[in-house]
Protein backbone atom coordinates (compact mmCIF):
# COMPACT_ATOMS: atom_id res chain seq x y z
CA MET A 1 9.19 -0.43 -14.54
CA LYS A 2 12.01 -2.10 -13.22
CA ILE A 3 15.14 -0.06 -13.45
CA SER A 4 18.94 -1.04 -12.42
CA ILE A 5 21.58 1.60 -11.15
CA LEU A 6 24.85 0.13 -11.92
CA SER A 7 27.55 2.68 -10.80
CA LEU A 8 30.65 3.02 -8.52
CA PHE A 9 28.98 5.19 -6.29
CA PRO A 10 25.12 3.90 -5.56
CA ASP A 11 24.45 5.22 -2.16
CA MET A 12 24.35 8.48 -3.86
CA PHE A 13 20.91 8.01 -5.80
CA LYS A 14 19.20 6.09 -2.69
CA SER A 15 18.20 10.18 -0.72
CA VAL A 16 18.28 11.63 -4.16
CA LEU A 17 15.68 9.08 -5.67
CA GLY A 18 13.85 8.45 -2.55
CA GLU A 19 12.34 11.53 -1.88
CA SER A 20 9.28 13.41 -3.18
CA ILE A 21 7.12 12.22 -6.52
CA ILE A 22 9.61 9.25 -7.64
CA GLY A 23 10.16 8.07 -3.55
CA ARG A 24 6.15 7.69 -4.21
CA ALA A 25 6.93 5.87 -6.97
CA ILE A 26 8.52 3.35 -5.33
CA GLU A 27 6.59 3.07 -2.48
CA ASN A 28 3.28 2.60 -4.53
CA ASN A 29 5.57 -0.01 -6.74
CA ILE A 30 5.14 1.39 -9.73
CA VAL A 31 8.92 1.31 -10.77
CA GLU A 32 11.46 -0.91 -8.99
CA LEU A 33 14.65 1.05 -8.47
CA LYS A 34 17.69 -1.26 -8.09
CA TYR A 35 21.12 0.01 -6.93
CA ILE A 36 24.69 -2.44 -8.89
CA ASN A 37 28.06 -1.52 -7.14
CA ILE A 38 30.34 -2.62 -10.05
CA ARG A 39 32.71 -3.08 -7.57
CA ASP A 40 31.22 -5.81 -6.73
CA PHE A 41 31.70 -8.05 -10.18
CA SER A 42 35.21 -7.94 -9.85
CA ASN A 43 37.47 -10.59 -9.60
CA ASP A 44 39.95 -8.49 -8.00
CA LYS A 45 41.46 -8.93 -4.48
CA HIS A 46 41.21 -5.42 -4.18
CA ASN A 47 38.08 -5.28 -6.54
CA ARG A 48 40.25 -2.58 -8.52
CA VAL A 49 37.67 -1.85 -11.96
CA ASP A 50 40.21 0.49 -13.68
CA ASP A 51 42.73 0.23 -15.18
CA TYR A 52 45.32 2.28 -17.67
CA PRO A 53 44.32 2.84 -21.29
CA PHE A 54 46.15 0.89 -24.29
CA GLY A 55 47.85 3.46 -26.54
CA GLY A 56 48.70 5.98 -23.31
CA GLY A 57 46.82 8.94 -22.25
CA PRO A 58 46.36 10.70 -19.10
CA GLY A 59 43.70 8.93 -16.42
CA MET A 60 42.52 5.48 -16.06
CA VAL A 61 39.52 3.57 -18.00
CA MET A 62 36.80 1.34 -16.20
CA LYS A 63 37.45 -2.64 -17.01
CA PRO A 64 35.01 -4.40 -19.02
CA GLU A 65 34.86 -7.96 -17.24
CA PRO A 66 33.18 -5.97 -13.83
CA ILE A 67 30.64 -4.16 -16.11
CA TYR A 68 29.81 -6.89 -17.99
CA ARG A 69 28.77 -9.18 -15.40
CA ALA A 70 27.17 -6.81 -14.28
CA ILE A 71 24.94 -5.87 -16.48
CA GLU A 72 24.15 -9.33 -16.80
CA HIS A 73 23.00 -10.08 -13.60
CA VAL A 74 20.16 -7.20 -13.78
CA LYS A 75 19.15 -7.73 -17.77
CA SER A 76 16.19 -9.22 -19.02
CA ASP A 77 14.87 -10.27 -22.20
CA TYR A 78 13.33 -6.52 -21.86
CA SER A 79 16.04 -4.79 -21.23
CA ARG A 80 17.06 -1.94 -22.48
CA VAL A 81 20.73 -0.81 -21.57
CA ILE A 82 22.21 3.51 -21.92
CA TYR A 83 25.18 4.52 -20.98
CA LEU A 84 25.67 7.89 -19.34
CA SER A 85 28.08 10.07 -21.54
CA PRO A 86 28.80 13.19 -23.32
CA LYS A 87 30.04 11.53 -26.92
CA GLY A 88 26.25 10.56 -26.73
CA LYS A 89 22.88 11.70 -28.20
CA VAL A 90 21.58 14.88 -25.73
CA PHE A 91 18.42 14.05 -23.51
CA ASN A 92 15.11 15.29 -23.97
CA GLN A 93 11.73 15.13 -23.07
CA SER A 94 10.87 12.85 -26.90
CA MET A 95 13.62 10.57 -25.03
CA ALA A 96 11.85 10.43 -21.98
CA ASN A 97 8.48 10.19 -23.20
CA GLU A 98 9.28 6.96 -25.28
CA LEU A 99 11.79 5.56 -22.01
CA SER A 100 8.74 5.89 -20.19
CA ARG A 101 7.37 3.19 -21.80
CA GLU A 102 10.10 1.25 -21.60
CA LYS A 103 9.72 -2.35 -19.06
CA ASP A 104 12.86 -2.64 -17.74
CA LEU A 105 15.75 0.12 -17.85
CA VAL A 106 19.78 -0.27 -16.98
CA PHE A 107 21.67 2.99 -16.41
CA LEU A 108 25.37 2.40 -16.53
CA CYS A 109 27.27 5.46 -15.30
CA GLY A 110 30.62 5.25 -16.19
CA HIS A 111 32.93 7.51 -14.31
CA TYR A 112 37.08 8.13 -15.23
CA GLU A 113 38.21 8.46 -18.71
CA GLY A 114 34.54 6.02 -19.45
CA ILE A 115 34.74 2.53 -19.93
CA ASP A 116 36.28 -0.02 -22.24
CA ASN A 117 34.30 0.50 -26.13
CA ARG A 118 33.99 -3.12 -26.15
CA ILE A 119 31.45 -3.16 -24.26
CA ILE A 120 29.17 -0.15 -25.34
CA GLU A 121 30.80 -1.80 -28.61
CA ASN A 122 28.63 -5.01 -28.06
CA TYR A 123 26.33 -4.78 -24.54
CA VAL A 124 24.54 -0.76 -25.07
CA ASP A 125 22.04 -0.26 -26.54
CA ASP A 126 21.78 3.92 -26.02
CA ILE A 127 24.66 6.32 -25.53
CA ILE A 128 22.99 9.85 -24.14
CA SER A 129 24.39 12.90 -22.60
CA LEU A 130 22.85 16.16 -20.71
CA GLY A 131 24.25 18.39 -22.77
CA ASP A 132 27.78 19.78 -23.93
CA TYR A 133 29.71 19.53 -21.03
CA VAL A 134 31.97 17.13 -18.71
CA LEU A 135 30.87 15.62 -15.58
CA THR A 136 32.85 13.64 -13.49
CA GLY A 137 29.96 11.17 -13.87
CA GLY A 138 27.32 9.32 -14.83
CA GLU A 139 25.09 9.27 -11.72
CA ILE A 140 23.72 12.72 -11.53
CA PRO A 141 22.67 11.98 -15.59
CA ALA A 142 21.07 9.20 -14.62
CA MET A 143 19.09 10.96 -11.95
CA VAL A 144 18.05 13.42 -13.50
CA MET A 145 16.94 10.90 -16.35
CA ILE A 146 15.24 8.72 -14.07
CA ASP A 147 13.25 11.53 -12.47
CA SER A 148 11.98 13.13 -15.92
CA ILE A 149 10.85 9.54 -17.12
CA VAL A 150 9.66 7.94 -13.49
CA ARG A 151 7.41 11.15 -13.47
CA LEU A 152 5.78 9.97 -17.59
CA LEU A 153 3.80 6.35 -15.70
CA PRO A 154 0.58 6.14 -15.14
CA GLY A 155 -0.28 6.30 -11.56
CA VAL A 156 2.99 8.61 -10.81
CA LEU A 157 2.02 12.62 -11.19
CA LYS A 158 -1.50 13.01 -8.76
CA SER A 159 -4.30 14.94 -10.94
CA ASP A 160 -2.93 18.35 -10.08
CA GLU A 161 0.63 17.74 -10.76
CA SER A 162 -0.48 16.76 -14.14
CA PHE A 163 2.64 16.61 -17.16
CA ILE A 164 0.59 17.66 -20.13
CA ASP A 165 1.25 21.75 -19.90
CA GLU A 166 5.09 22.02 -18.44
CA SER A 167 7.87 23.05 -20.24
CA HIS A 168 9.22 20.43 -23.41
CA TYR A 169 5.72 18.66 -23.17
CA ASN A 170 4.55 20.50 -26.68
CA GLY A 171 7.79 21.32 -27.77
CA LEU A 172 6.87 24.28 -26.03
CA LEU A 173 8.27 26.28 -22.61
CA GLU A 174 5.61 25.95 -20.37
CA TYR A 175 3.03 29.50 -20.05
CA PRO A 176 4.28 31.85 -16.53
CA GLN A 177 2.84 30.71 -13.70
CA TYR A 178 1.15 32.96 -10.73
CA THR A 179 -0.44 32.38 -6.67
CA ARG A 180 -1.34 34.05 -4.01
CA PRO A 181 -0.83 37.11 -3.17
CA ARG A 182 -2.68 39.02 -6.21
CA GLU A 183 0.30 42.05 -5.38
CA PHE A 184 4.30 41.02 -4.09
CA LYS A 185 5.67 44.37 -3.27
CA GLY A 186 4.24 46.47 -6.54
CA HIS A 187 3.89 43.78 -8.91
CA GLU A 188 0.50 42.55 -10.18
CA VAL A 189 -0.80 39.73 -11.59
CA PRO A 190 -1.99 40.14 -15.20
CA GLU A 191 -5.66 40.34 -14.59
CA ILE A 192 -6.35 37.97 -17.49
CA LEU A 193 -5.89 34.97 -15.14
CA LEU A 194 -8.57 36.86 -13.00
CA SER A 195 -11.04 37.54 -14.90
CA GLY A 196 -12.36 33.15 -14.88
CA ASN A 197 -12.72 34.01 -18.58
CA HIS A 198 -10.94 30.33 -19.08
CA LYS A 199 -11.46 30.43 -23.00
CA LYS A 200 -8.84 33.96 -23.15
CA ILE A 201 -7.07 32.46 -19.87
CA ASP A 202 -6.28 29.42 -22.36
CA GLU A 203 -5.45 31.49 -25.36
CA TRP A 204 -3.02 33.89 -23.29
CA ARG A 205 -1.55 31.50 -21.79
CA LYS A 206 -0.64 29.62 -24.77
CA TYR A 207 0.24 33.16 -26.21
CA GLU A 208 3.09 33.32 -23.46
CA SER A 209 4.78 29.94 -24.00
CA ILE A 210 4.77 31.13 -27.66
CA LYS A 211 6.75 33.68 -26.00
CA LEU A 212 8.49 32.99 -23.93
CA THR A 213 10.05 29.66 -25.96
CA TYR A 214 10.97 32.29 -28.98
CA LYS A 215 12.60 35.14 -26.09
CA ASN A 216 14.59 31.58 -24.48
CA ARG A 217 14.95 28.91 -27.06
CA PRO A 218 14.29 29.92 -30.26
CA ASP A 219 15.37 26.56 -31.20
CA LEU A 220 12.46 25.02 -30.08
CA LEU A 221 10.28 26.70 -33.13
CA GLU A 222 12.12 24.83 -35.65
CA ASN A 223 11.04 21.74 -34.63
CA ILE A 224 6.91 22.19 -34.46
CA ASN A 225 4.32 22.05 -36.13
CA LEU A 226 2.70 25.36 -35.23
CA SER A 227 -1.46 25.47 -35.54
CA LEU A 228 -2.70 28.74 -37.81
CA GLU A 229 -3.51 30.08 -34.44
CA GLU A 230 0.06 29.48 -33.02
CA LYS A 231 1.53 31.24 -36.33
CA ARG A 232 -0.05 34.20 -36.34
CA TYR A 233 0.39 34.43 -32.37
CA LEU A 234 4.86 34.60 -33.25
CA ASP A 235 4.14 36.60 -36.36
CA LYS A 236 3.24 39.57 -33.53
CA ILE A 237 5.33 38.23 -31.15
CA GLU A 238 8.10 38.51 -33.79
CA GLN A 239 6.54 41.57 -34.84
CA GLU A 240 6.88 42.97 -30.89
CA GLU A 241 10.11 42.24 -30.58
CA LYS A 242 11.14 44.39 -33.89
CA ASN A 243 9.20 46.79 -32.43
CA LYS A 244 11.91 47.53 -29.30
CA LEU A 245 14.46 48.05 -31.28
């Protein structure tokens, strides 16, 4: 996969995306990251990329010409151009799965009060947000999305780093995890995890996953087709919570 990042601050990405799992994917040539400074495509002698908004208002707006040239510089026949903005659809695991199947992604990071809307209307394929809040620019959202997408590519994760059981992969939050020591300051690891009975352990994990989702993100359960077994777990969990009242 090829990923191009168009930003006014491309150096922000190198230390973050050059480490850990993503850094390993780069070293193994599974993903190629290109960092593009939008200022390099300005024809202004001062490399200016912004101007006052038509109609008045606070702040500055990024000009269309440098962004257009930057997109054209990296774009291929397979490119999917993504603009990071709080105006977009909220990013989730389903989007990460979909985007991980693309060959060529272009992330456009806005700044100031945003970018000229003619770029969004004519040269952007997707507008994506991290959530219902505003950040200084699109750089941090781009980092988050790239991390989420790249780790899904074949060969990126080792066998002991599988994403199959992770939170949100199957629509549910991941079950609780424990490691040594068995006892920590009087707190014990659940006995079932020490039993060696893998069937019981799997049942416990599924139950705890549904329980955690019910307590922390009940909205996720509205979009999941639960099996009969999972529905029984959910009914039991709901009854347990009612009994606490």
